[in-house]
């Protein structure tokens, strides 16, 4: 699933070399934090968060029902979380 996330982010990010992916497994979820340079934030999140929401929808649909749920968080390098999946709670 991480490959799918990397592919989608790679389609929008211009500074692909500086994109970091932090994967943290918890009880029932796998949290993937995408850390981007400030110049790529708007491109990956999209207007009104439409690209980020679509990415989460695709990942949710591609995840088997018996698998752990994926939560995707998008952060700016050196900054706070900018786009967080609130449906994880």
N, C-alpha and C. Protein backbone atom coordinates (compact mmCIF):
# COMPACT_ATOMS: atom_id res chain seq x y z
N UNK A 1 0.83 -1.19 0.00
CA UNK A 1 0.00 0.00 0.00
C UNK A 1 0.88 1.26 0.00
N UNK A 2 2.04 1.16 0.63
CA UNK A 2 2.95 2.30 0.66
C UNK A 2 3.38 2.66 -0.77
N UNK A 3 3.54 1.65 -1.63
CA UNK A 3 3.91 1.92 -3.02
C UNK A 3 2.83 2.73 -3.73
N UNK A 4 1.57 2.43 -3.43
CA UNK A 4 0.46 3.18 -4.03
C UNK A 4 0.49 4.64 -3.57
N UNK A 5 0.72 4.85 -2.28
CA UNK A 5 0.80 6.21 -1.74
C UNK A 5 1.97 6.97 -2.38
N UNK A 6 3.12 6.30 -2.48
CA UNK A 6 4.29 6.93 -3.10
C UNK A 6 4.02 7.29 -4.56
N UNK A 7 3.32 6.42 -5.26
CA UNK A 7 3.01 6.68 -6.66
C UNK A 7 2.12 7.92 -6.80
N UNK A 8 1.07 7.98 -5.98
CA UNK A 8 0.13 9.11 -6.07
C UNK A 8 0.83 10.42 -5.72
N UNK A 9 1.58 10.42 -4.63
CA UNK A 9 2.29 11.64 -4.21
C UNK A 9 3.30 12.04 -5.28
N UNK A 10 3.98 11.05 -5.88
CA UNK A 10 4.98 11.32 -6.91
C UNK A 10 4.41 11.97 -8.15
N UNK A 11 3.13 11.76 -8.40
CA UNK A 11 2.50 12.37 -9.57
C UNK A 11 2.30 13.88 -9.39
N UNK A 12 2.22 14.34 -8.16
CA UNK A 12 1.95 15.75 -7.90
C UNK A 12 3.16 16.52 -7.36
N UNK A 13 4.04 15.86 -6.63
CA UNK A 13 5.19 16.54 -6.02
C UNK A 13 6.25 16.82 -7.09
N UNK A 14 6.80 18.01 -7.07
CA UNK A 14 7.87 18.36 -7.99
C UNK A 14 9.24 18.03 -7.39
N UNK A 15 9.37 18.16 -6.08
CA UNK A 15 10.63 17.91 -5.38
C UNK A 15 10.59 16.49 -4.80
N UNK A 16 10.58 15.49 -5.69
CA UNK A 16 10.39 14.09 -5.30
C UNK A 16 11.52 13.55 -4.42
N UNK A 17 12.72 14.10 -4.57
CA UNK A 17 13.87 13.61 -3.80
C UNK A 17 13.73 13.93 -2.31
N UNK A 18 13.00 14.98 -1.98
CA UNK A 18 12.88 15.41 -0.59
C UNK A 18 11.58 14.98 0.08
N UNK A 19 10.86 14.06 -0.53
CA UNK A 19 9.64 13.55 0.09
C UNK A 19 10.02 12.40 1.01
N UNK A 20 9.53 12.45 2.26
CA UNK A 20 9.82 11.39 3.22
C UNK A 20 8.51 10.71 3.60
N UNK A 21 8.60 9.41 3.88
CA UNK A 21 7.44 8.63 4.29
C UNK A 21 7.77 7.97 5.63
N UNK A 22 6.98 8.27 6.65
CA UNK A 22 7.18 7.69 7.97
C UNK A 22 6.00 6.77 8.23
N UNK A 23 6.29 5.48 8.43
CA UNK A 23 5.24 4.49 8.65
C UNK A 23 5.28 4.04 10.10
N UNK A 24 4.13 4.12 10.76
CA UNK A 24 4.03 3.74 12.17
C UNK A 24 2.82 2.81 12.34
N UNK A 25 3.08 1.59 12.81
CA UNK A 25 1.99 0.63 13.02
C UNK A 25 1.48 0.73 14.44
N UNK A 26 0.17 0.79 14.57
CA UNK A 26 -0.48 0.80 15.87
C UNK A 26 -1.41 -0.41 15.93
N UNK A 27 -2.28 -0.50 16.92
CA UNK A 27 -3.13 -1.67 17.08
C UNK A 27 -3.90 -2.04 15.81
N UNK A 28 -4.80 -1.18 15.39
CA UNK A 28 -5.67 -1.50 14.26
C UNK A 28 -5.41 -0.63 13.04
N UNK A 29 -4.41 0.26 13.12
CA UNK A 29 -4.16 1.15 11.99
C UNK A 29 -2.67 1.19 11.65
N UNK A 30 -2.40 1.57 10.42
CA UNK A 30 -1.04 1.87 9.97
C UNK A 30 -1.06 3.33 9.56
N UNK A 31 -0.28 4.13 10.26
CA UNK A 31 -0.25 5.57 10.01
C UNK A 31 0.93 5.90 9.10
N UNK A 32 0.63 6.50 7.96
CA UNK A 32 1.66 6.91 7.01
C UNK A 32 1.70 8.43 7.01
N UNK A 33 2.85 8.99 7.40
CA UNK A 33 3.03 10.43 7.39
C UNK A 33 3.89 10.79 6.18
N UNK A 34 3.36 11.63 5.32
CA UNK A 34 4.08 12.10 4.14
C UNK A 34 4.63 13.48 4.48
N UNK A 35 5.96 13.61 4.45
CA UNK A 35 6.61 14.88 4.79
C UNK A 35 7.11 15.51 3.49
N UNK A 36 6.59 16.70 3.18
CA UNK A 36 6.87 17.37 1.91
C UNK A 36 7.58 18.70 2.12
N UNK A 37 8.24 19.16 1.08
CA UNK A 37 8.81 20.50 1.12
C UNK A 37 7.66 21.51 1.00
N UNK A 38 7.83 22.71 1.53
CA UNK A 38 6.74 23.70 1.50
C UNK A 38 6.20 24.00 0.11
N UNK A 39 7.05 23.92 -0.90
CA UNK A 39 6.60 24.22 -2.26
C UNK A 39 5.66 23.16 -2.83
N UNK A 40 5.71 21.95 -2.29
CA UNK A 40 4.86 20.86 -2.79
C UNK A 40 3.57 20.68 -2.00
N UNK A 41 3.41 21.36 -0.91
CA UNK A 41 2.24 21.14 -0.05
C UNK A 41 0.93 21.36 -0.80
N UNK A 42 0.80 22.48 -1.46
CA UNK A 42 -0.45 22.80 -2.16
C UNK A 42 -0.71 21.87 -3.33
N UNK A 43 0.35 21.44 -3.98
CA UNK A 43 0.19 20.55 -5.13
C UNK A 43 -0.32 19.18 -4.72
N UNK A 44 0.17 18.66 -3.60
CA UNK A 44 -0.22 17.32 -3.17
C UNK A 44 -1.57 17.34 -2.46
N UNK A 45 -1.86 18.38 -1.69
CA UNK A 45 -3.14 18.45 -0.98
C UNK A 45 -4.25 18.83 -1.95
N UNK A 46 -3.98 19.74 -2.86
CA UNK A 46 -4.98 20.15 -3.84
C UNK A 46 -5.91 21.22 -3.28
N UNK A 47 -6.69 21.81 -4.17
CA UNK A 47 -7.64 22.84 -3.74
C UNK A 47 -8.68 22.22 -2.84
N UNK A 48 -8.87 22.84 -1.69
CA UNK A 48 -9.82 22.39 -0.68
C UNK A 48 -9.58 20.95 -0.26
N UNK A 49 -8.32 20.46 -0.42
CA UNK A 49 -7.97 19.11 0.02
C UNK A 49 -8.50 17.99 -0.85
N UNK A 50 -8.88 18.31 -2.07
CA UNK A 50 -9.51 17.30 -2.93
C UNK A 50 -8.56 16.17 -3.32
N UNK A 51 -7.30 16.49 -3.60
CA UNK A 51 -6.35 15.44 -3.98
C UNK A 51 -6.06 14.54 -2.79
N UNK A 52 -5.85 15.13 -1.61
CA UNK A 52 -5.59 14.34 -0.40
C UNK A 52 -6.78 13.44 -0.08
N UNK A 53 -7.97 13.97 -0.21
CA UNK A 53 -9.18 13.17 0.06
C UNK A 53 -9.31 12.03 -0.94
N UNK A 54 -9.04 12.30 -2.20
CA UNK A 54 -9.11 11.26 -3.22
C UNK A 54 -8.06 10.18 -2.97
N UNK A 55 -6.86 10.58 -2.55
CA UNK A 55 -5.81 9.62 -2.24
C UNK A 55 -6.24 8.70 -1.10
N UNK A 56 -6.84 9.28 -0.07
CA UNK A 56 -7.33 8.47 1.06
C UNK A 56 -8.43 7.51 0.62
N UNK A 57 -9.30 7.97 -0.26
CA UNK A 57 -10.38 7.12 -0.76
C UNK A 57 -9.82 5.95 -1.56
N UNK A 58 -8.84 6.20 -2.40
CA UNK A 58 -8.23 5.13 -3.20
C UNK A 58 -7.54 4.12 -2.30
N UNK A 59 -6.80 4.60 -1.31
CA UNK A 59 -6.10 3.69 -0.39
C UNK A 59 -7.11 2.88 0.42
N UNK A 60 -8.18 3.52 0.88
CA UNK A 60 -9.22 2.81 1.63
C UNK A 60 -9.87 1.72 0.78
N UNK A 61 -10.12 2.03 -0.50
CA UNK A 61 -10.75 1.06 -1.39
C UNK A 61 -9.80 -0.09 -1.74
N UNK A 62 -8.51 0.17 -1.80
CA UNK A 62 -7.54 -0.87 -2.17
C UNK A 62 -7.12 -1.74 -0.99
N UNK A 63 -7.45 -1.35 0.22
CA UNK A 63 -7.08 -2.11 1.41
C UNK A 63 -8.07 -3.24 1.63
N UNK A 64 -7.59 -4.48 1.78
CA UNK A 64 -8.50 -5.59 2.05
C UNK A 64 -9.24 -5.39 3.38
N UNK A 65 -10.44 -5.92 3.46
CA UNK A 65 -11.27 -5.72 4.65
C UNK A 65 -10.63 -6.34 5.90
N UNK A 66 -9.88 -7.40 5.74
CA UNK A 66 -9.28 -8.07 6.89
C UNK A 66 -7.96 -7.44 7.33
N UNK A 67 -7.50 -6.44 6.60
CA UNK A 67 -6.22 -5.79 6.87
C UNK A 67 -6.39 -4.61 7.84
N UNK A 68 -5.26 -4.13 8.35
CA UNK A 68 -5.29 -2.92 9.17
C UNK A 68 -5.66 -1.74 8.30
N UNK A 69 -6.28 -0.72 8.90
CA UNK A 69 -6.69 0.47 8.19
C UNK A 69 -5.51 1.43 8.05
N UNK A 70 -5.42 2.10 6.91
CA UNK A 70 -4.35 3.07 6.67
C UNK A 70 -4.86 4.48 6.95
N UNK A 71 -4.04 5.26 7.63
CA UNK A 71 -4.33 6.66 7.90
C UNK A 71 -3.19 7.46 7.29
N UNK A 72 -3.53 8.44 6.48
CA UNK A 72 -2.51 9.24 5.79
C UNK A 72 -2.53 10.66 6.34
N UNK A 73 -1.36 11.11 6.77
CA UNK A 73 -1.19 12.46 7.28
C UNK A 73 -0.15 13.15 6.41
N UNK A 74 -0.40 14.39 6.06
CA UNK A 74 0.53 15.15 5.21
C UNK A 74 1.09 16.31 6.02
N UNK A 75 2.43 16.36 6.10
CA UNK A 75 3.12 17.40 6.88
C UNK A 75 4.10 18.17 6.01
N UNK A 76 4.33 19.39 6.44
CA UNK A 76 5.36 20.21 5.82
C UNK A 76 6.67 19.93 6.54
N UNK A 77 7.74 19.85 5.81
CA UNK A 77 9.06 19.58 6.40
C UNK A 77 9.38 20.65 7.45
N UNK A 78 9.61 20.21 8.68
CA UNK A 78 9.92 21.13 9.76
C UNK A 78 8.72 21.84 10.33
N UNK A 79 7.52 21.42 9.97
CA UNK A 79 6.32 22.11 10.45
C UNK A 79 5.32 21.16 11.07
N UNK A 80 4.16 21.69 11.37
CA UNK A 80 3.08 20.90 11.97
C UNK A 80 2.31 20.19 10.89
N UNK A 81 1.42 19.30 11.32
CA UNK A 81 0.56 18.59 10.37
C UNK A 81 -0.34 19.62 9.69
N UNK A 82 -0.44 19.53 8.40
CA UNK A 82 -1.26 20.46 7.65
C UNK A 82 -2.56 19.79 7.23
N UNK A 83 -2.49 18.54 6.83
CA UNK A 83 -3.67 17.83 6.36
C UNK A 83 -3.72 16.48 7.05
N UNK A 84 -4.70 16.30 7.94
CA UNK A 84 -4.79 15.08 8.73
C UNK A 84 -6.12 14.42 8.44
N UNK A 85 -6.08 13.09 8.35
CA UNK A 85 -7.30 12.31 8.12
C UNK A 85 -8.07 12.24 9.43
N UNK A 86 -9.14 12.99 9.55
CA UNK A 86 -9.91 13.05 10.80
C UNK A 86 -10.82 11.85 10.97
N UNK A 87 -11.00 11.03 9.95
CA UNK A 87 -11.87 9.86 10.08
C UNK A 87 -11.18 8.73 10.80
N UNK A 88 -9.92 8.90 11.20
CA UNK A 88 -9.18 7.84 11.88
C UNK A 88 -9.64 7.66 13.32
N UNK A 89 -10.25 8.63 13.88
CA UNK A 89 -10.63 8.57 15.29
C UNK A 89 -11.82 7.67 15.48
